[in-house]
Protein backbone atom coordinates (compact mmCIF):
# COMPACT_ATOMS: atom_id res chain seq x y z
CA MET A 1 -2.57 61.45 52.58
CA GLY A 2 -4.02 64.64 51.13
CA ARG A 3 -2.00 64.44 47.91
CA TRP A 4 -3.04 60.74 47.52
CA SER A 5 -6.75 61.54 48.06
CA ASN A 6 -6.78 64.60 45.82
CA GLY A 7 -5.11 62.54 43.08
CA LEU A 8 -7.84 59.92 43.28
CA LEU A 9 -10.64 62.44 43.11
CA GLY A 10 -8.96 64.29 40.25
CA LYS A 11 -8.50 61.18 38.15
CA GLY A 12 -12.10 60.08 38.58
CA ALA A 13 -13.78 56.75 38.63
CA LEU A 14 -11.81 55.24 35.72
CA LEU A 15 -8.48 55.61 37.53
CA LEU A 16 -10.05 54.26 40.70
CA MET A 17 -11.11 51.10 38.91
CA THR A 18 -7.62 50.77 37.44
CA LEU A 19 -5.95 51.06 40.82
CA LEU A 20 -8.33 48.57 42.42
CA THR A 21 -7.41 46.10 39.71
CA LEU A 22 -3.69 46.75 40.08
CA ALA A 23 -3.90 46.28 43.81
CA LEU A 24 -4.67 42.63 43.11
CA THR A 25 -1.72 42.19 40.75
CA VAL A 26 1.25 44.17 42.10
CA GLY A 27 3.48 42.10 44.37
CA SER A 28 2.71 38.81 42.64
CA ALA A 29 5.08 37.37 40.03
CA ASP A 30 2.33 35.20 38.55
CA ALA A 31 -0.11 38.07 38.25
CA ALA A 32 2.45 40.31 36.62
CA LYS A 33 3.52 37.57 34.19
CA ARG A 34 3.73 38.65 30.55
CA GLN A 35 2.57 42.24 31.31
CA SER A 36 4.60 44.70 29.28
CA ARG A 37 3.69 47.64 31.59
CA ILE A 38 2.61 47.80 35.24
CA VAL A 39 1.02 50.96 36.68
CA VAL A 40 1.93 51.66 40.33
CA ARG A 41 1.85 54.49 42.89
CA SER A 42 4.02 55.45 45.84
CA LYS A 43 4.53 52.88 48.55
CA GLN A 44 3.27 50.07 46.33
CA LYS A 45 5.74 47.29 45.66
CA ILE A 46 7.15 45.52 42.64
CA VAL A 47 8.44 41.95 42.54
CA VAL A 48 12.19 42.15 41.85
CA CYS A 49 14.55 39.23 41.22
CA HIS A 50 17.51 40.00 43.46
CA ALA A 51 20.85 38.59 42.30
CA THR A 52 22.46 36.51 45.05
CA GLY A 53 25.98 36.71 43.66
CA ASN A 54 26.33 32.99 42.88
CA GLY A 55 24.35 33.11 39.62
CA GLY A 56 20.99 32.67 41.30
CA PHE A 57 18.12 34.97 42.23
CA VAL A 58 15.58 35.37 45.02
CA SER A 59 12.19 37.08 44.83
CA VAL A 60 11.78 40.28 46.89
CA ASN A 61 9.11 42.97 47.03
CA VAL A 62 10.58 46.45 46.57
CA ALA A 63 8.77 49.79 46.98
CA VAL A 64 8.42 51.65 43.69
CA ASP A 65 9.89 54.85 45.24
CA ASN A 66 13.18 53.08 46.00
CA ILE A 67 13.46 51.83 42.45
CA ILE A 68 12.79 55.23 40.87
CA THR A 69 15.18 57.08 43.19
CA GLY A 70 17.93 54.48 42.74
CA GLN A 71 17.98 53.40 46.35
CA GLY A 72 18.39 49.78 47.50
CA HIS A 73 17.61 47.29 44.76
CA GLY A 74 17.22 50.06 42.24
CA SER A 75 21.01 50.41 42.30
CA HIS A 76 21.91 46.70 42.17
CA PRO A 77 23.53 46.04 38.76
CA ASN A 78 22.39 42.43 38.35
CA ASP A 79 18.84 42.56 39.72
CA ILE A 80 15.96 41.99 37.31
CA ILE A 81 13.19 44.61 37.41
CA PRO A 82 10.23 44.78 35.01
CA PRO A 83 9.22 48.01 33.24
CA PHE A 84 6.28 49.93 34.72
CA GLU A 85 4.42 53.26 34.78
CA TYR A 86 4.49 55.19 38.07
CA GLU A 87 3.07 58.19 39.89
CA LEU A 88 4.86 59.20 43.08
CA SER A 89 3.43 60.93 46.13
CA ASN A 90 5.26 64.15 45.23
CA GLY A 91 3.33 64.33 41.96
CA GLU A 92 6.13 63.02 39.78
CA SER A 93 5.05 60.50 37.13
CA GLY A 94 6.75 58.68 34.28
CA SER A 95 7.89 55.35 32.86
CA TYR A 96 10.56 53.07 34.23
CA PRO A 97 12.20 51.11 31.36
CA GLY A 98 13.09 48.05 33.39
CA HIS A 99 16.48 46.70 34.42
CA ASN A 100 18.13 43.66 32.82
CA TRP A 101 14.68 42.92 31.50
CA THR A 102 15.50 41.58 28.03
CA ALA A 103 17.87 38.96 29.42
CA GLY A 104 15.94 38.34 32.63
CA GLU A 105 12.26 38.30 31.64
CA GLU A 106 12.08 34.49 31.48
CA ILE A 107 13.79 34.21 34.87
CA ARG A 108 11.26 36.50 36.53
CA HIS A 109 8.35 34.71 34.88
CA ASN A 110 9.79 31.48 36.26
CA GLY A 111 9.55 32.70 39.87
CA CYS A 112 13.03 34.25 39.85
CA ALA A 113 14.60 30.88 39.07
CA ARG A 114 16.57 30.19 35.93
CA PRO A 115 14.47 28.09 33.50
CA PRO A 116 15.87 24.63 32.82
CA PRO A 117 18.15 24.49 29.78
CA PRO A 118 16.42 23.48 26.55
CA THR A 119 16.58 19.81 25.60
CA GLY A 120 16.63 18.29 22.16
CA GLN A 121 17.64 19.97 18.93
CA ILE A 122 16.12 21.31 15.73
CA ASP A 123 17.49 20.40 12.32
CA VAL A 124 16.26 22.14 9.18
CA HIS A 125 16.34 20.83 5.61
CA VAL A 126 15.43 21.70 2.04
CA ALA A 127 12.55 19.47 0.99
CA CYS A 128 12.55 20.27 -2.74
CA VAL A 129 13.03 23.06 -5.28
CA ASP A 130 11.07 23.99 -8.42
CA VAL A 131 12.66 26.25 -11.04
CA ASN A 132 10.31 28.78 -12.64
CA ALA A 133 10.22 29.82 -16.29
CA ASP A 134 11.70 33.25 -15.49
CA GLY A 135 14.80 31.73 -13.84
CA THR A 136 13.65 32.23 -10.25
CA TYR A 137 12.96 29.24 -8.05
CA ASP A 138 10.57 28.16 -5.29
CA ALA A 139 12.07 26.33 -2.31
CA GLN A 140 10.21 24.20 0.22
CA PHE A 141 11.80 23.89 3.65
CA GLY A 142 11.08 21.55 6.51
CA TYR A 143 12.50 20.59 9.88
CA GLY A 144 12.88 17.85 12.45
CA SER A 145 12.64 18.58 16.15
CA SER A 146 13.57 16.26 19.01
CA ALA A 147 12.57 18.83 21.65
CA PRO A 148 9.95 17.29 23.96
CA GLY A 149 7.34 19.97 23.23
CA ALA A 150 6.60 22.90 20.98
CA VAL A 151 9.44 25.43 20.77
CA THR A 152 8.86 29.06 19.76
CA ILE A 153 11.76 30.87 18.08
CA PRO A 154 10.92 34.34 16.73
CA VAL A 155 12.42 35.53 13.47
CA GLY A 156 15.82 37.13 14.04
CA SER A 157 19.54 36.53 14.47
CA GLY A 158 20.16 38.32 17.78
CA GLY A 159 20.05 35.18 19.91
CA PRO A 160 20.49 32.32 20.34
CA PRO A 161 17.92 31.13 19.77
CA ASN A 162 17.99 32.25 16.12
CA ASN A 163 15.61 31.82 13.18
CA TYR A 164 16.58 33.72 10.05
CA PHE A 165 17.27 33.63 6.31
CA SER A 166 20.28 34.90 4.42
CA PRO A 167 20.56 36.84 2.26
CA ALA A 168 18.10 39.36 3.71
CA PRO A 169 15.29 39.72 4.50
CA GLN A 170 15.67 37.47 7.54
CA GLY A 171 11.94 36.78 7.64
CA ARG A 172 10.52 34.93 4.63
CA GLY A 173 7.40 33.36 6.10
CA GLN A 174 9.23 30.64 8.00
CA VAL A 175 7.68 28.84 10.94
CA THR A 176 8.31 30.22 14.41
CA THR A 177 6.73 27.35 16.37
CA PHE A 178 8.52 24.02 16.00
CA THR A 179 6.55 20.95 17.09
CA ASN A 180 8.14 17.65 18.05
CA GLY A 181 8.75 15.31 15.10
CA THR A 182 9.43 15.75 11.40
CA VAL A 183 7.59 18.25 9.22
CA LEU A 184 8.54 17.60 5.63
CA ASN A 185 7.14 20.72 3.96
CA ALA A 186 6.76 23.38 6.64
CA PHE A 187 6.61 26.38 4.27
CA THR A 188 7.62 27.58 0.80
CA VAL A 189 9.68 30.60 -0.24
CA THR A 190 8.66 31.60 -3.76
CA ASP A 191 10.35 33.51 -6.59
CA VAL A 192 13.86 33.41 -5.10
CA THR A 193 16.33 35.44 -7.20
CA SER A 194 19.55 34.93 -5.24
CA ALA A 195 22.00 32.19 -6.24
CA SER A 196 21.38 30.48 -2.91
CA LEU A 197 19.04 30.86 0.05
CA THR A 198 19.99 29.63 3.52
CA TRP A 199 17.69 29.08 6.50
CA THR A 200 19.44 28.96 9.88
CA VAL A 201 17.93 27.88 13.19
CA SER A 202 19.82 27.81 16.51
CA TYR A 203 18.35 26.18 19.60
CA GLY A 204 19.71 24.50 22.70
CA GLY A 205 23.34 25.02 21.73
CA HIS A 206 22.84 23.45 18.29
CA THR A 207 22.79 25.36 14.99
CA SER A 208 21.40 23.91 11.77
CA SER A 209 21.39 25.45 8.28
CA ALA A 210 19.78 24.38 5.00
CA THR A 211 20.71 25.93 1.66
CA ALA A 212 18.51 25.89 -1.44
CA THR A 213 19.73 26.57 -4.97
CA ALA A 214 18.17 26.34 -8.41
CA SER A 215 20.24 23.20 -9.05
CA PHE A 216 18.90 21.33 -6.00
CA ASP A 217 18.49 17.71 -7.13
CA LEU A 218 14.98 17.02 -5.84
CA PRO A 219 12.07 18.74 -7.61
CA CYS A 220 8.82 19.16 -5.73
CA GLU A 221 6.37 16.38 -6.42
CA ASP A 222 3.17 17.39 -8.12
CA THR A 223 0.06 16.72 -6.11
CA PRO A 224 -1.59 13.78 -7.86
CA SER A 225 -4.83 14.66 -9.56
CA PRO A 226 -7.82 13.08 -7.83
CA GLU A 227 -9.65 10.35 -9.64
CA PRO A 228 -12.44 11.95 -11.68
CA ASP A 229 -15.93 11.46 -10.35
CA VAL A 230 -18.04 8.90 -12.19
CA PRO A 231 -21.82 8.53 -12.27
CA ILE A 232 -23.70 6.75 -9.51
CA GLY A 233 -26.05 4.15 -10.94
CA VAL A 234 -29.34 3.18 -9.31
CA PHE A 235 -31.39 0.05 -9.98
CA VAL A 236 -34.41 -1.94 -8.79
CA THR A 237 -33.24 -5.08 -7.00
CA CYS A 238 -36.62 -6.78 -6.68
CA VAL A 239 -40.29 -6.24 -5.78
CA VAL A 240 -42.76 -7.96 -3.47
CA ASN A 241 -46.41 -8.12 -4.62
CA HIS A 242 -49.40 -7.96 -2.26
CA PRO A 243 -52.44 -8.99 -4.37
CA SER A 244 -54.92 -8.65 -1.53
CA THR A 245 -54.18 -4.92 -1.16
CA ARG A 246 -53.20 -4.30 -4.79
CA THR A 247 -49.87 -2.87 -3.63
CA TYR A 248 -46.24 -3.82 -3.89
CA ASP A 249 -42.93 -3.14 -2.12
CA ALA A 250 -39.82 -2.19 -4.06
CA VAL A 251 -36.21 -2.69 -3.03
CA PHE A 252 -33.70 -0.33 -4.67
CA GLY A 253 -29.92 -0.43 -4.84
CA TYR A 254 -27.06 1.66 -6.17
CA GLU A 255 -23.57 1.26 -7.52
CA SER A 256 -20.76 3.79 -7.14
CA GLY A 257 -17.37 3.46 -8.80
CA ASN A 258 -16.02 6.57 -7.08
CA ALA A 259 -12.97 6.34 -4.86
CA ASP A 260 -14.72 7.85 -1.84
CA ALA A 261 -18.20 8.41 -0.45
CA LYS A 262 -20.36 11.02 -2.17
CA THR A 263 -23.07 12.99 -0.37
CA ILE A 264 -26.22 13.86 -2.33
CA PRO A 265 -28.97 15.44 -0.19
CA VAL A 266 -32.59 14.65 -0.90
CA GLY A 267 -33.78 17.13 -3.53
CA ASP A 268 -33.39 17.70 -7.24
CA ALA A 269 -30.42 15.32 -7.45
CA ASN A 270 -31.80 12.57 -5.20
CA ASN A 271 -35.54 12.07 -5.21
CA PHE A 272 -38.50 9.77 -5.70
CA ASP A 273 -41.39 10.40 -8.07
CA PRO A 274 -44.29 10.55 -7.40
CA ALA A 275 -44.08 12.44 -4.11
CA PRO A 276 -42.97 12.35 -1.42
CA GLU A 277 -39.47 12.78 -2.84
CA ASP A 278 -37.92 11.57 0.43
CA ARG A 279 -38.71 7.89 0.99
CA GLY A 280 -35.76 7.04 3.20
CA GLN A 281 -33.19 6.73 0.42
CA PRO A 282 -29.51 7.14 1.29
CA THR A 283 -27.83 10.50 1.01
CA VAL A 284 -24.29 9.13 1.39
CA PHE A 285 -23.22 6.80 -1.42
CA SER A 286 -20.19 4.73 -0.46
CA PRO A 287 -17.92 3.11 -3.06
CA GLY A 288 -19.14 -0.26 -4.30
CA THR A 289 -22.56 -1.88 -4.74
CA SER A 290 -25.50 -1.87 -2.34
CA THR A 291 -28.41 -4.11 -3.37
CA ASN A 292 -30.54 -3.06 -0.40
CA ALA A 293 -30.15 0.71 -0.18
CA VAL A 294 -33.84 1.52 0.44
CA ARG A 295 -37.14 -0.38 0.61
CA VAL A 296 -40.37 1.45 -0.23
CA THR A 297 -43.56 -0.27 0.88
CA GLY A 298 -47.26 0.01 0.06
CA ILE A 299 -46.95 1.33 -3.50
CA SER A 300 -50.18 1.15 -5.48
CA ASP A 301 -50.12 -1.39 -8.32
CA SER A 302 -51.13 1.42 -10.67
CA VAL A 303 -48.05 3.54 -9.82
CA ALA A 304 -44.56 3.25 -11.29
CA LEU A 305 -42.09 4.57 -8.72
CA THR A 306 -38.92 6.25 -10.01
CA TRP A 307 -35.73 6.91 -8.03
CA THR A 308 -33.52 9.58 -9.63
CA VAL A 309 -29.89 10.18 -8.67
CA ALA A 310 -27.75 12.78 -10.43
CA TRP A 311 -23.96 12.66 -9.98
CA THR A 312 -22.05 13.82 -13.07
CA THR A 313 -24.97 12.35 -15.08
CA THR A 314 -28.58 11.52 -14.20
CA ASN A 315 -29.63 7.91 -13.66
CA LYS A 316 -33.11 6.56 -12.93
CA ALA A 317 -34.48 3.29 -11.56
CA ILE A 318 -38.15 2.55 -12.24
CA ALA A 319 -40.09 0.01 -10.18
CA SER A 320 -43.55 -1.33 -11.02
CA ALA A 321 -45.87 -4.05 -9.84
CA ASP A 322 -44.98 -6.23 -12.82
CA PHE A 323 -41.18 -5.90 -12.35
CA GLN A 324 -39.83 -9.30 -13.32
CA ASN A 325 -37.37 -9.85 -10.46
CA LYS A 326 -39.32 -10.89 -7.37
CA CYS A 327 -37.77 -10.87 -3.91
CA ALA A 328 -37.40 -14.53 -2.88
CA HIS A 329 -37.97 -13.88 0.82
CA PRO A 330 -39.90 -10.61 1.20
CA ALA A 331 -39.63 -10.53 4.99
CA GLN A 332 -35.86 -10.84 5.02
CA LEU A 333 -33.46 -8.00 4.47
CA PRO A 334 -30.87 -7.76 3.11
CA ILE A 335 -31.85 -9.47 -0.09
CA PRO A 336 -30.89 -13.16 -0.09
CA PRO A 337 -28.08 -14.47 -2.28
CA ASN A 338 -30.24 -15.43 -5.27
CA ASN A 339 -31.00 -11.72 -5.71
CA LEU A 340 -27.39 -10.54 -5.52
CA PRO A 341 -25.44 -9.54 -8.64
CA ILE A 342 -23.82 -12.26 -10.73
CA PRO A 343 -20.45 -13.27 -9.29
CA PRO A 344 -17.38 -11.87 -11.04
CA PRO A 345 -15.74 -13.87 -13.81
CA ASN A 346 -12.93 -16.22 -12.90
CA GLN A 347 -10.49 -15.07 -15.59
CA PRO A 348 -9.04 -11.62 -16.22
CA ILE A 349 -10.80 -8.92 -18.18
CA GLY A 350 -8.66 -5.92 -19.15
CA ILE A 351 -9.09 -2.68 -21.04
CA PHE A 352 -6.48 -0.56 -22.80
CA ALA A 353 -5.88 2.40 -25.07
CA GLU A 354 -4.94 0.92 -28.42
CA CYS A 355 -3.96 3.95 -30.51
CA VAL A 356 -4.73 7.58 -31.35
CA THR A 357 -5.21 9.58 -34.54
CA ASN A 358 -4.01 13.19 -34.39
CA HIS A 359 -5.85 16.03 -36.15
CA GLY A 360 -3.89 19.16 -35.26
CA SER A 361 -5.62 20.58 -32.19
CA THR A 362 -7.69 17.44 -31.55
CA TYR A 363 -7.26 13.67 -31.61
CA ASP A 364 -9.33 10.48 -31.75
CA ALA A 365 -8.72 7.77 -29.13
CA THR A 366 -9.33 4.09 -29.86
CA PHE A 367 -9.74 1.62 -27.00
CA GLY A 368 -9.75 -2.18 -26.84
CA TYR A 369 -10.18 -4.99 -24.36
CA VAL A 370 -9.25 -8.60 -23.64
CA ASN A 371 -11.57 -11.21 -22.09
CA GLU A 372 -10.01 -14.57 -21.21
CA ASN A 373 -13.29 -16.09 -20.05
CA ALA A 374 -15.00 -18.69 -22.21
CA ALA A 375 -18.28 -16.73 -22.18
CA PRO A 376 -19.22 -13.07 -22.70
CA VAL A 377 -19.19 -10.80 -19.64
CA THR A 378 -21.70 -7.96 -19.39
CA VAL A 379 -20.89 -4.69 -17.60
CA PRO A 380 -23.71 -2.16 -18.20
CA VAL A 381 -22.75 1.37 -19.18
CA GLY A 382 -23.00 3.57 -16.10
CA ALA A 383 -21.16 3.66 -12.79
CA ARG A 384 -19.20 0.47 -13.59
CA ASN A 385 -18.51 1.23 -17.23
CA SER A 386 -17.94 4.90 -18.08
CA VAL A 387 -15.86 7.21 -20.25
CA SER A 388 -14.80 10.67 -19.07
CA PRO A 389 -14.83 13.58 -19.52
CA GLY A 390 -18.25 13.90 -21.08
CA PRO A 391 -21.23 11.56 -20.88
CA ALA A 392 -20.66 8.14 -19.36
CA ASP A 393 -21.79 6.46 -22.59
CA GLN A 394 -19.45 7.28 -25.48
CA GLY A 395 -19.92 4.13 -27.52
CA GLN A 396 -17.96 1.71 -25.34
CA PRO A 397 -19.12 -1.93 -25.28
CA ASP A 398 -21.24 -3.26 -22.45
CA THR A 399 -20.75 -6.88 -23.52
CA PHE A 400 -17.18 -8.15 -23.55
CA VAL A 401 -16.92 -11.12 -25.88
CA PRO A 402 -14.19 -13.72 -25.31
CA GLY A 403 -10.82 -13.00 -26.86
CA PHE A 404 -8.68 -10.01 -27.80
CA VAL A 405 -10.54 -7.02 -29.30
CA ALA A 406 -7.98 -4.41 -30.30
CA ARG A 407 -10.30 -1.67 -31.55
CA ALA A 408 -13.58 -1.90 -29.69
CA PHE A 409 -14.61 1.77 -29.99
CA THR A 410 -13.26 5.23 -30.79
CA VAL A 411 -13.91 8.58 -29.09
CA PRO A 412 -13.47 11.34 -31.70
CA GLY A 413 -12.58 15.03 -31.51
CA ILE A 414 -10.82 15.16 -28.15
CA SER A 415 -8.94 18.38 -27.34
CA ASN A 416 -5.16 17.91 -27.27
CA SER A 417 -5.11 19.23 -23.70
CA THR A 418 -7.57 16.56 -22.48
CA THR A 419 -6.88 13.06 -21.18
CA GLU A 420 -9.57 10.56 -22.16
CA THR A 421 -10.26 7.85 -19.58
CA TRP A 422 -12.23 4.60 -19.85
CA ARG A 423 -13.04 3.06 -16.47
CA VAL A 424 -14.55 -0.40 -15.93
CA ILE A 425 -15.21 -2.21 -12.63
CA VAL A 426 -15.13 -6.01 -12.89
CA GLY A 427 -15.44 -8.26 -9.89
CA GLY A 428 -15.10 -5.31 -7.53
CA GLU A 429 -11.75 -4.25 -9.03
CA VAL A 430 -11.15 -1.15 -11.15
CA ARG A 431 -9.65 -1.14 -14.63
CA VAL A 432 -8.48 2.19 -16.07
CA ALA A 433 -7.28 2.98 -19.60
CA THR A 434 -6.13 6.48 -20.57
CA ALA A 435 -5.26 8.13 -23.86
CA THR A 436 -3.60 11.47 -24.62
CA ALA A 437 -2.64 13.33 -27.78
CA SER A 438 0.97 12.20 -27.25
CA PHE A 439 0.07 8.50 -26.97
CA PRO A 440 2.93 6.60 -28.69
CA THR A 441 0.83 4.33 -30.95
CA GLN A 442 -0.77 5.86 -34.05
CA CYS A 443 -3.87 4.19 -35.46
CA VAL A 444 -3.01 5.07 -39.09
CA THR A 445 0.59 3.88 -39.25
CA ASP A 446 1.08 1.28 -36.51
CA PRO A 447 -0.17 -2.29 -36.88
CA THR A 448 -2.54 -3.81 -34.37
CA VAL A 449 -0.28 -5.98 -32.21
CA PRO A 450 -0.52 -6.77 -28.51
CA VAL A 451 2.10 -5.14 -26.30
CA ASP A 452 3.25 -5.47 -22.73
CA GLY A 453 3.11 -2.29 -20.72
CA ALA A 454 4.14 -2.69 -17.08
CA GLY A 455 4.88 0.47 -15.12
CA ILE A 456 5.39 1.63 -11.54
CA ASP A 457 5.02 4.86 -9.57
CA LYS A 458 6.54 5.45 -6.17
CA SER A 459 6.27 8.03 -3.40
CA VAL A 460 7.50 8.34 0.17
CA THR A 461 6.39 10.36 3.18
CA PRO A 462 8.10 11.96 4.94
CA HIS A 463 11.36 12.51 3.05
CA THR A 464 13.32 13.40 6.20
CA VAL A 465 13.08 11.63 9.56
CA ILE A 466 14.99 11.26 12.82
CA VAL A 467 16.51 7.89 13.74
CA GLY A 468 13.74 5.76 15.23
CA GLN A 469 10.90 7.34 13.27
CA GLN A 470 8.95 5.61 10.49
CA VAL A 471 8.52 6.27 6.77
CA ARG A 472 5.85 4.96 4.41
CA PHE A 473 6.52 4.06 0.78
CA THR A 474 3.56 3.76 -1.59
CA LEU A 475 4.07 1.85 -4.84
CA ARG A 476 1.52 1.55 -7.64
CA ALA A 477 2.36 -1.12 -10.21
CA PHE A 478 0.13 -1.06 -13.27
CA ASN A 479 -0.49 -2.65 -16.66
CA ASP A 480 -0.86 -0.02 -19.39
CA GLY A 481 -0.36 -2.49 -22.24
CA SER A 482 -2.88 -4.69 -24.03
CA LEU A 483 -1.80 -8.14 -22.77
CA VAL A 484 -2.57 -9.91 -19.51
CA LEU A 485 0.71 -10.03 -17.57
CA ARG A 486 1.36 -13.32 -15.78
CA TYR A 487 3.62 -14.23 -12.88
CA PHE A 488 3.99 -10.50 -12.30
CA ASP A 489 6.61 -9.30 -9.77
CA ALA A 490 6.98 -5.78 -8.42
CA LYS A 491 10.32 -5.34 -6.61
CA ASP A 492 11.40 -2.68 -4.15
CA ASN A 493 15.08 -2.41 -3.20
CA LEU A 494 16.18 -0.38 -0.16
CA THR A 495 19.94 0.21 -0.48
CA GLY A 496 22.13 0.02 2.59
CA HIS A 497 20.71 -0.83 5.97
CA GLY A 498 19.58 2.59 7.18
CA LEU A 499 15.91 1.59 6.87
CA ARG A 500 14.41 -1.55 8.41
CA VAL A 501 11.24 -2.92 6.81
CA LEU A 502 8.47 -3.31 9.40
CA SER A 503 5.47 -4.31 7.27
CA VAL A 504 4.35 -4.81 3.65
CA THR A 505 0.79 -4.94 2.31
CA SER A 506 -0.56 -5.21 -1.24
CA THR A 507 -4.01 -4.99 -2.79
CA LEU A 508 -3.18 -8.01 -5.00
CA GLY A 509 -1.13 -11.15 -4.61
CA ARG A 510 1.41 -11.81 -1.88
CA CYS A 511 4.57 -10.05 -0.67
CA ARG A 512 7.81 -11.26 0.87
CA THR A 513 10.84 -9.47 2.33
CA ARG A 514 14.45 -10.57 2.35
CA ARG A 515 17.65 -8.98 3.65
CA LEU A 516 20.56 -9.01 1.21
CA ALA A 517 24.23 -8.20 1.78
CA ARG A 518 23.90 -4.50 0.98
CA SER A 519 20.17 -3.92 0.78
CA SER A 520 16.71 -5.12 1.74
CA GLN A 521 14.29 -6.28 -0.95
CA VAL A 522 10.50 -6.46 -1.05
CA VAL A 523 8.89 -8.59 -3.78
CA CYS A 524 5.12 -8.58 -4.35
CA SER A 525 3.77 -11.15 -6.83
CA THR A 526 0.41 -11.74 -8.47
CA GLY A 527 -0.58 -14.47 -10.90
CA THR A 528 -2.14 -12.06 -13.39
CA LEU A 529 -2.39 -8.33 -13.96
CA ALA A 530 -4.96 -7.42 -16.59
CA PRO A 531 -4.67 -4.41 -18.91
CA GLY A 532 -5.79 -1.33 -17.02
CA GLN A 533 -5.40 -3.08 -13.66
CA ALA A 534 -3.09 -1.89 -10.87
CA MET A 535 -1.79 -3.16 -7.54
CA THR A 536 -0.98 -0.78 -4.67
CA ILE A 537 1.80 -1.73 -2.25
CA HIS A 538 2.52 -0.06 1.10
CA VAL A 539 5.94 -0.53 2.73
CA VAL A 540 6.48 0.80 6.26
CA ALA A 541 10.09 1.09 7.39
CA GLN A 542 11.90 2.42 10.46
CA ALA A 543 14.98 4.65 10.26
CA THR A 544 17.92 2.99 11.99
CA SER A 545 21.02 4.90 10.83
CA PRO A 546 21.69 8.51 9.78
CA GLY A 547 22.39 9.19 6.10
CA THR A 548 20.59 9.41 2.76
CA TRP A 549 19.10 6.08 1.69
CA ASP A 550 17.92 5.31 -1.83
CA ASP A 551 14.89 3.16 -2.59
CA THR A 552 14.24 1.87 -6.11
CA ALA A 553 11.14 0.06 -7.36
CA THR A 554 11.08 -1.93 -10.61
CA VAL A 555 8.69 -3.96 -12.73
CA PRO A 556 10.61 -5.86 -15.40
CA THR A 557 9.06 -6.65 -18.77
CA THR A 558 7.30 -9.87 -17.85
CA PRO A 559 6.67 -12.94 -20.00
CA THR A 560 2.92 -13.09 -20.49
CA GLY A 561 2.84 -16.88 -20.49
CA PRO A 562 0.13 -19.05 -22.00
CA PRO A 563 -3.56 -18.38 -21.33
CA PRO A 564 -5.26 -20.62 -18.76
CA PRO A 565 -6.85 -23.93 -19.88
CA GLY A 566 -10.25 -23.41 -21.44
CA ALA A 567 -9.67 -19.74 -22.25
CA PRO A 568 -10.50 -18.57 -25.80
CA PRO A 569 -7.68 -18.38 -28.32
CA GLY A 570 -5.71 -15.16 -27.98
CA PRO A 571 -3.25 -13.36 -30.20
CA THR A 572 0.08 -14.99 -30.94
CA VAL A 573 2.86 -13.05 -29.23
CA PRO A 574 6.51 -13.67 -28.43
CA ALA A 575 7.44 -14.89 -24.95
CA THR A 576 8.24 -11.32 -24.00
CA ALA A 577 6.29 -8.75 -26.01
CA PRO A 578 7.74 -5.24 -26.52
CA ASP A 579 7.04 -2.78 -23.74
CA ARG A 580 5.18 0.25 -25.07
CA THR A 581 6.51 2.59 -22.36
CA PRO A 582 9.80 1.16 -21.01
CA LYS A 583 10.75 4.41 -19.23
CA ASP A 584 8.10 3.92 -16.54
CA ASN A 585 9.43 0.50 -15.46
CA VAL A 586 11.59 2.08 -12.72
CA ASP A 587 10.87 4.73 -10.10
CA ALA A 588 12.95 5.80 -7.12
CA ALA A 589 12.78 7.85 -3.95
CA HIS A 590 15.24 8.72 -1.22
CA VAL A 591 14.99 9.33 2.51
CA THR A 592 17.29 11.46 4.64
CA VAL A 593 17.76 10.21 8.21
CA ILE A 594 19.18 12.59 10.80
CA SER A 595 20.63 11.80 14.22
CA PRO A 596 18.53 12.30 17.34
CA ALA A 597 19.40 15.05 19.78
CA PRO A 598 22.08 14.26 22.33
CA PRO A 599 20.74 13.67 25.86
CA ALA A 600 20.38 16.76 28.03
CA VAL A 601 23.27 17.43 30.41
CA THR A 602 22.10 17.90 33.97
CA GLY A 603 23.80 18.63 37.22
């Protein structure tokens, strides 16, 4: 007892606190869990997993002295003992390295019982490869896991489990935690110089490898550029006069042609004048038109109230007591129908890039439009009628007269590296026309003739799934010509029967699905597709069979057909006009379906 007491006094208060803490942990498997070192003294005990001889273990408490001196369990070849620091009653101290610890740590942490065998499997794949200008390549890898939960596999090849690359180094930034499901692009290895690069993962008795090379047939898809922001227009909807108090109320609205909501806090970019600048106006501007965004009451007849909103450009709405549009029912909000914007036209209006003129490092872009209505349609320059980059007003028309106008306006001096975009919103739908320096039609040499210009883009996510999981195809069919396309069909063919179509939706027209002998086909049809207009189609399918399944979308050159009765005379064109860009009439994607993990073997 003297040696024990003298040791405590010699070590001081810090050691005393340490020992008091350890007294609560030694002898408990749960308390010792995940500790890399345990500090113990003579007569204290360590939890040891004693091998029973039949492959199992039982938990026993063994005195540290017996372990250090090799007596009892310290001499059993198959027992599992954790590493620890010790100080014996004879003054000897040191470190015990553990016994069978690398192989047995998980068993001890599981209460000296063997953990259940892993279930499910992990399959790895190459998602895509991009080749760099210097001859190296970047490879994106992904995986699919049918394990019921997250699985952690450290980098290395000393297992199983294994998680390594070859050639070396084995670690190249790969994931070490694999979640259930499919992860298409888990990580990217850049600037690979070897002829091939293989990622290998072993888990649950299953080994999967994926090899990337510079000649891999699927390049990485570029992230689509977001739609450019366009100005947010503000306007006065109507006013209500109060002659007895010589005041008026003003109702303001806004219009946003942006693809998503824009937040503009009250301040320099969103204010009223005269003060106060905050009069309850919105700070979040959702896409579309709001005729009743804010109502300001009790304004003096002698004051003109201005609402200013700045988003890419500055727009102002000025209300006054003599504003001509009076609210029909002042007490009712929102504004009644006779104060709402004019309904959209019944016939298509389209916009298009007609031609370009190149000037070395710059070019001029000429745009046109077609209006099949019998009367002019007005779309004020601003949020619904803008040109970018640059100011929203670049000479484009705000009144669209009936008929075909090939060369409505020209934007000069555009840098060859810049894409010029005209954007018009008609009837709540967006029209987009773009021009680049490489536009195929030249203003100087090519005659002004209408052309068809159907095109389609296609993407899929994810590219690799397990049988039973779903994939989503997104198709965007568009009209980049200068004629209204009629009886327009966008077709999507899924070869084989490894994918079963679950649902189809489209922003225009109607869709139908049919099962053919060797494929499934989706057809989405719309009566008209105006120049600059697009339809977006979403196809959701379920993987039913392993393999690689191709999916091809097409938009054939479509007869434009005659204009509707009562429409203004249009240009004379053949039944099928030439397609300006025939190469974009087809787009394809493919999906790799892998088998699910075999069921776990029990018993």
